[in-house]
């Protein structure tokens, strides 16, 4: 917990709320980025598997 010298040094509720919401929004943006990266990796793995399966069928 942060201690302030006087009551006037403490940020007001609006400032605290803005700060908290800003952190939430940044976290959500990070989560969306990681979700997109996970999706791209999954799609690439599926594409490679399809190519491998196709090559096996063609070789048979």
PDB file of N, CA and C in Angstrom:
ATOM      1  N   UNK A   1       0.843  -1.177   0.000  1.00  0.00           N
ATOM      2  CA  UNK A   1       0.000   0.000   0.000  1.00  0.00           C
ATOM      3  C   UNK A   1       0.889   1.241   0.000  1.00  0.00           C
ATOM      4  N   UNK A   2       0.515   2.221  -0.801  1.00  0.00           N
ATOM      5  CA  UNK A   2       1.275   3.461  -0.898  1.00  0.00           C
ATOM      6  C   UNK A   2       0.789   4.432   0.168  1.00  0.00           C
ATOM      7  N   UNK A   3       1.732   5.014   0.873  1.00  0.00           N
ATOM      8  CA  UNK A   3       1.374   5.989   1.915  1.00  0.00           C
ATOM      9  C   UNK A   3       1.641   7.396   1.380  1.00  0.00           C
ATOM     10  N   UNK A   4       0.739   8.297   1.649  1.00  0.00           N
ATOM     11  CA  UNK A   4       0.878   9.680   1.221  1.00  0.00           C
ATOM     12  C   UNK A   4       1.057  10.570   2.448  1.00  0.00           C
ATOM     13  N   UNK A   5       1.805  11.663   2.266  1.00  0.00           N
ATOM     14  CA  UNK A   5       2.085  12.559   3.385  1.00  0.00           C
ATOM     15  C   UNK A   5       0.816  13.233   3.913  1.00  0.00           C
ATOM     16  N   UNK A   6      -0.040  13.612   2.989  1.00  0.00           N
ATOM     17  CA  UNK A   6      -1.298  14.236   3.415  1.00  0.00           C
ATOM     18  C   UNK A   6      -2.408  13.754   2.484  1.00  0.00           C
ATOM     19  N   UNK A   7      -3.607  14.060   2.876  1.00  0.00           N
ATOM     20  CA  UNK A   7      -4.752  13.627   2.073  1.00  0.00           C
ATOM     21  C   UNK A   7      -4.702  14.246   0.673  1.00  0.00           C
ATOM     22  N   UNK A   8      -4.186  15.456   0.559  1.00  0.00           N
ATOM     23  CA  UNK A   8      -4.137  16.136  -0.736  1.00  0.00           C
ATOM     24  C   UNK A   8      -3.108  15.501  -1.680  1.00  0.00           C
ATOM     25  N   UNK A   9      -2.143  14.749  -1.151  1.00  0.00           N
ATOM     26  CA  UNK A   9      -1.153  14.069  -1.990  1.00  0.00           C
ATOM     27  C   UNK A   9      -1.742  12.830  -2.678  1.00  0.00           C
ATOM     28  N   UNK A  10      -2.789  12.270  -2.104  1.00  0.00           N
ATOM     29  CA  UNK A  10      -3.385  11.044  -2.639  1.00  0.00           C
ATOM     30  C   UNK A  10      -4.154  11.354  -3.922  1.00  0.00           C
ATOM     31  N   UNK A  11      -4.028  10.484  -4.934  1.00  0.00           N
ATOM     32  CA  UNK A  11      -4.804  10.701  -6.154  1.00  0.00           C
ATOM     33  C   UNK A  11      -6.298  10.558  -5.862  1.00  0.00           C
ATOM     34  N   UNK A  12      -7.107  11.345  -6.562  1.00  0.00           N
ATOM     35  CA  UNK A  12      -8.552  11.251  -6.337  1.00  0.00           C
ATOM     36  C   UNK A  12      -9.096   9.952  -6.930  1.00  0.00           C
ATOM     37  N   UNK A  13     -10.338   9.642  -6.605  1.00  0.00           N
ATOM     38  CA  UNK A  13     -10.946   8.380  -7.051  1.00  0.00           C
ATOM     39  C   UNK A  13     -10.996   8.282  -8.567  1.00  0.00           C
ATOM     40  N   UNK A  14     -11.279   9.398  -9.229  1.00  0.00           N
ATOM     41  CA  UNK A  14     -11.354   9.390 -10.691  1.00  0.00           C
ATOM     42  C   UNK A  14     -10.004   9.008 -11.292  1.00  0.00           C
ATOM     43  N   UNK A  15      -8.938   9.579 -10.781  1.00  0.00           N
ATOM     44  CA  UNK A  15      -7.591   9.271 -11.263  1.00  0.00           C
ATOM     45  C   UNK A  15      -7.245   7.810 -11.002  1.00  0.00           C
ATOM     46  N   UNK A  16      -7.605   7.319  -9.830  1.00  0.00           N
ATOM     47  CA  UNK A  16      -7.339   5.913  -9.513  1.00  0.00           C
ATOM     48  C   UNK A  16      -8.108   4.985 -10.443  1.00  0.00           C
ATOM     49  N   UNK A  17      -9.371   5.325 -10.724  1.00  0.00           N
ATOM     50  CA  UNK A  17     -10.186   4.505 -11.621  1.00  0.00           C
ATOM     51  C   UNK A  17      -9.613   4.520 -13.027  1.00  0.00           C
ATOM     52  N   UNK A  18      -9.226   5.702 -13.514  1.00  0.00           N
ATOM     53  CA  UNK A  18      -8.615   5.785 -14.844  1.00  0.00           C
ATOM     54  C   UNK A  18      -7.368   4.921 -14.932  1.00  0.00           C
ATOM     55  N   UNK A  19      -6.547   4.971 -13.904  1.00  0.00           N
ATOM     56  CA  UNK A  19      -5.323   4.183 -13.876  1.00  0.00           C
ATOM     57  C   UNK A  19      -5.625   2.685 -13.906  1.00  0.00           C
ATOM     58  N   UNK A  20      -6.598   2.278 -13.114  1.00  0.00           N
ATOM     59  CA  UNK A  20      -6.965   0.862 -13.064  1.00  0.00           C
ATOM     60  C   UNK A  20      -7.544   0.405 -14.401  1.00  0.00           C
ATOM     61  N   UNK A  21      -8.428   1.208 -14.996  1.00  0.00           N
ATOM     62  CA  UNK A  21      -9.011   0.844 -16.286  1.00  0.00           C
ATOM     63  C   UNK A  21      -7.949   0.799 -17.382  1.00  0.00           C
ATOM     64  N   UNK A  22      -7.007   1.727 -17.331  1.00  0.00           N
ATOM     65  CA  UNK A  22      -5.924   1.720 -18.308  1.00  0.00           C
ATOM     66  C   UNK A  22      -5.140   0.416 -18.236  1.00  0.00           C
ATOM     67  N   UNK A  23      -4.868  -0.045 -17.036  1.00  0.00           N
ATOM     68  CA  UNK A  23      -4.149  -1.317 -16.857  1.00  0.00           C
ATOM     69  C   UNK A  23      -4.977  -2.480 -17.389  1.00  0.00           C
ATOM     70  N   UNK A  24      -6.281  -2.470 -17.129  1.00  0.00           N
ATOM     71  CA  UNK A  24      -7.162  -3.528 -17.637  1.00  0.00           C
ATOM     72  C   UNK A  24      -7.145  -3.537 -19.158  1.00  0.00           C
ATOM     73  N   UNK A  25      -7.254  -2.364 -19.777  1.00  0.00           N
ATOM     74  CA  UNK A  25      -7.278  -2.285 -21.233  1.00  0.00           C
ATOM     75  C   UNK A  25      -5.955  -2.746 -21.838  1.00  0.00           C
ATOM     76  N   UNK A  26      -4.847  -2.380 -21.190  1.00  0.00           N
ATOM     77  CA  UNK A  26      -3.549  -2.851 -21.700  1.00  0.00           C
ATOM     78  C   UNK A  26      -3.435  -4.373 -21.576  1.00  0.00           C
ATOM     79  N   UNK A  27      -3.910  -4.918 -20.472  1.00  0.00           N
ATOM     80  CA  UNK A  27      -3.878  -6.376 -20.293  1.00  0.00           C
ATOM     81  C   UNK A  27      -4.739  -7.072 -21.336  1.00  0.00           C
ATOM     82  N   UNK A  28      -5.920  -6.537 -21.597  1.00  0.00           N
ATOM     83  CA  UNK A  28      -6.791  -7.133 -22.607  1.00  0.00           C
ATOM     84  C   UNK A  28      -6.145  -7.076 -23.987  1.00  0.00           C
ATOM     85  N   UNK A  29      -5.479  -5.987 -24.301  1.00  0.00           N
ATOM     86  CA  UNK A  29      -4.789  -5.879 -25.588  1.00  0.00           C
ATOM     87  C   UNK A  29      -3.694  -6.935 -25.690  1.00  0.00           C
ATOM     88  N   UNK A  30      -2.960  -7.160 -24.612  1.00  0.00           N
ATOM     89  CA  UNK A  30      -1.929  -8.208 -24.596  1.00  0.00           C
ATOM     90  C   UNK A  30      -2.551  -9.578 -24.799  1.00  0.00           C
ATOM     91  N   UNK A  31      -3.683  -9.831 -24.111  1.00  0.00           N
ATOM     92  CA  UNK A  31      -4.348 -11.132 -24.255  1.00  0.00           C
ATOM     93  C   UNK A  31      -4.808 -11.344 -25.687  1.00  0.00           C
ATOM     94  N   UNK A  32      -5.350 -10.287 -26.322  1.00  0.00           N
ATOM     95  CA  UNK A  32      -5.792 -10.421 -27.722  1.00  0.00           C
ATOM     96  C   UNK A  32      -4.601 -10.711 -28.634  1.00  0.00           C
ATOM     97  N   UNK A  33      -3.477 -10.060 -28.375  1.00  0.00           N
ATOM     98  CA  UNK A  33      -2.278 -10.324 -29.170  1.00  0.00           C
ATOM     99  C   UNK A  33      -1.865 -11.787 -29.029  1.00  0.00           C
ATOM    100  N   UNK A  34      -1.807 -12.286 -27.798  1.00  0.00           N
ATOM    101  CA  UNK A  34      -1.418 -13.680 -27.588  1.00  0.00           C
ATOM    102  C   UNK A  34      -2.423 -14.643 -28.199  1.00  0.00           C
ATOM    103  N   UNK A  35      -3.717 -14.297 -28.159  1.00  0.00           N
ATOM    104  CA  UNK A  35      -4.732 -15.129 -28.808  1.00  0.00           C
ATOM    105  C   UNK A  35      -4.493 -15.202 -30.312  1.00  0.00           C
ATOM    106  N   UNK A  36      -4.156 -14.066 -30.922  1.00  0.00           N
ATOM    107  CA  UNK A  36      -3.876 -14.060 -32.373  1.00  0.00           C
ATOM    108  C   UNK A  36      -2.634 -14.880 -32.684  1.00  0.00           C
ATOM    109  N   UNK A  37      -1.610 -14.759 -31.849  1.00  0.00           N
ATOM    110  CA  UNK A  37      -0.394 -15.548 -32.073  1.00  0.00           C
ATOM    111  C   UNK A  37      -0.674 -17.041 -31.933  1.00  0.00           C
ATOM    112  N   UNK A  38      -1.433 -17.411 -30.897  1.00  0.00           N
ATOM    113  CA  UNK A  38      -1.800 -18.817 -30.714  1.00  0.00           C
ATOM    114  C   UNK A  38      -2.578 -19.337 -31.916  1.00  0.00           C
ATOM    115  N   UNK A  39      -3.513 -18.541 -32.435  1.00  0.00           N
ATOM    116  CA  UNK A  39      -4.314 -18.943 -33.587  1.00  0.00           C
ATOM    117  C   UNK A  39      -3.425 -19.115 -34.815  1.00  0.00           C
ATOM    118  N   UNK A  40      -2.474 -18.213 -35.023  1.00  0.00           N
ATOM    119  CA  UNK A  40      -1.578 -18.315 -36.176  1.00  0.00           C
ATOM    120  C   UNK A  40      -0.713 -19.569 -36.098  1.00  0.00           C
ATOM    121  N   UNK A  41      -0.214 -19.877 -34.915  1.00  0.00           N
ATOM    122  CA  UNK A  41       0.605 -21.080 -34.731  1.00  0.00           C
ATOM    123  C   UNK A  41      -0.234 -22.327 -34.978  1.00  0.00           C
ATOM    124  N   UNK A  42      -1.472 -22.333 -34.477  1.00  0.00           N
ATOM    125  CA  UNK A  42      -2.365 -23.482 -34.681  1.00  0.00           C
ATOM    126  C   UNK A  42      -2.669 -23.673 -36.164  1.00  0.00           C
ATOM    127  N   UNK A  43      -2.978 -22.587 -36.861  1.00  0.00           N
ATOM    128  CA  UNK A  43      -3.262 -22.684 -38.295  1.00  0.00           C
ATOM    129  C   UNK A  43      -2.055 -23.201 -39.071  1.00  0.00           C
ATOM    130  N   UNK A  44      -0.882 -22.725 -38.727  1.00  0.00           N
ATOM    131  CA  UNK A  44       0.333 -23.181 -39.411  1.00  0.00           C
ATOM    132  C   UNK A  44       0.568 -24.666 -39.156  1.00  0.00           C
ATOM    133  N   UNK A  45       0.357 -25.113 -37.924  1.00  0.00           N
ATOM    134  CA  UNK A  45       0.534 -26.533 -37.604  1.00  0.00           C
ATOM    135  C   UNK A  45      -0.469 -27.383 -38.388  1.00  0.00           C
ATOM    136  N   UNK A  46      -1.711 -26.909 -38.493  1.00  0.00           N
ATOM    137  CA  UNK A  46      -2.719 -27.644 -39.262  1.00  0.00           C
ATOM    138  C   UNK A  46      -2.344 -27.699 -40.743  1.00  0.00           C
ATOM    139  N   UNK A  47      -1.843 -26.575 -41.274  1.00  0.00           N
ATOM    140  CA  UNK A  47      -1.436 -26.528 -42.684  1.00  0.00           C
ATOM    141  C   UNK A  47      -0.304 -27.521 -42.945  1.00  0.00           C
ATOM    142  N   UNK A  48       0.690 -27.538 -42.056  1.00  0.00           N
ATOM    143  CA  UNK A  48       1.805 -28.471 -42.214  1.00  0.00           C
ATOM    144  C   UNK A  48       1.335 -29.919 -42.137  1.00  0.00           C
ATOM    145  N   UNK A  49       0.387 -30.204 -41.240  1.00  0.00           N
ATOM    146  CA  UNK A  49      -0.141 -31.566 -41.109  1.00  0.00           C
ATOM    147  C   UNK A  49      -0.877 -31.981 -42.382  1.00  0.00           C
ATOM    148  N   UNK A  50      -1.691 -31.055 -42.939  1.00  0.00           N
ATOM    149  CA  UNK A  50      -2.401 -31.372 -44.191  1.00  0.00           C
ATOM    150  C   UNK A  50      -1.425 -31.647 -45.321  1.00  0.00           C
ATOM    151  N   UNK A  51      -0.371 -30.839 -45.422  1.00  0.00           N
ATOM    152  CA  UNK A  51       0.633 -31.062 -46.471  1.00  0.00           C
ATOM    153  C   UNK A  51       1.333 -32.406 -46.283  1.00  0.00           C
ATOM    154  N   UNK A  52       1.668 -32.736 -45.045  1.00  0.00           N
ATOM    155  CA  UNK A  52       2.331 -34.002 -44.750  1.00  0.00           C
ATOM    156  C   UNK A  52       1.409 -35.176 -45.086  1.00  0.00           C
ATOM    157  N   UNK A  53       0.132 -35.070 -44.668  1.00  0.00           N
ATOM    158  CA  UNK A  53      -0.836 -36.127 -44.963  1.00  0.00           C
ATOM    159  C   UNK A  53      -1.028 -36.279 -46.475  1.00  0.00           C
ATOM    160  N   UNK A  54      -1.079 -35.164 -47.198  1.00  0.00           N
ATOM    161  CA  UNK A  54      -1.236 -35.208 -48.663  1.00  0.00           C
ATOM    162  C   UNK A  54      -0.026 -35.880 -49.291  1.00  0.00           C
ATOM    163  N   UNK A  55       1.179 -35.545 -48.833  1.00  0.00           N
ATOM    164  CA  UNK A  55       2.390 -36.141 -49.386  1.00  0.00           C
ATOM    165  C   UNK A  55       2.416 -37.649 -49.139  1.00  0.00           C
ATOM    166  N   UNK A  56       1.947 -38.074 -47.954  1.00  0.00           N
ATOM    167  CA  UNK A  56       1.916 -39.511 -47.642  1.00  0.00           C
ATOM    168  C   UNK A  56       0.949 -40.213 -48.574  1.00  0.00           C
ATOM    169  N   UNK A  57      -0.229 -39.633 -48.805  1.00  0.00           N
ATOM    170  CA  UNK A  57      -1.227 -40.240 -49.703  1.00  0.00           C
ATOM    171  C   UNK A  57      -0.706 -40.304 -51.137  1.00  0.00           C
ATOM    172  N   UNK A  58      -0.014 -39.266 -51.585  1.00  0.00           N
ATOM    173  CA  UNK A  58       0.519 -39.251 -52.945  1.00  0.00           C
ATOM    174  C   UNK A  58       1.628 -40.286 -53.117  1.00  0.00           C
ATOM    175  N   UNK A  59       2.385 -40.519 -52.069  1.00  0.00           N
ATOM    176  CA  UNK A  59       3.487 -41.491 -52.142  1.00  0.00           C
ATOM    177  C   UNK A  59       2.963 -42.929 -52.152  1.00  0.00           C
ATOM    178  N   UNK A  60       1.771 -43.142 -51.646  1.00  0.00           N
ATOM    179  CA  UNK A  60       1.221 -44.499 -51.549  1.00  0.00           C
ATOM    180  C   UNK A  60       0.682 -44.997 -52.869  1.00  0.00           C
TER     181      UNK A  60
END
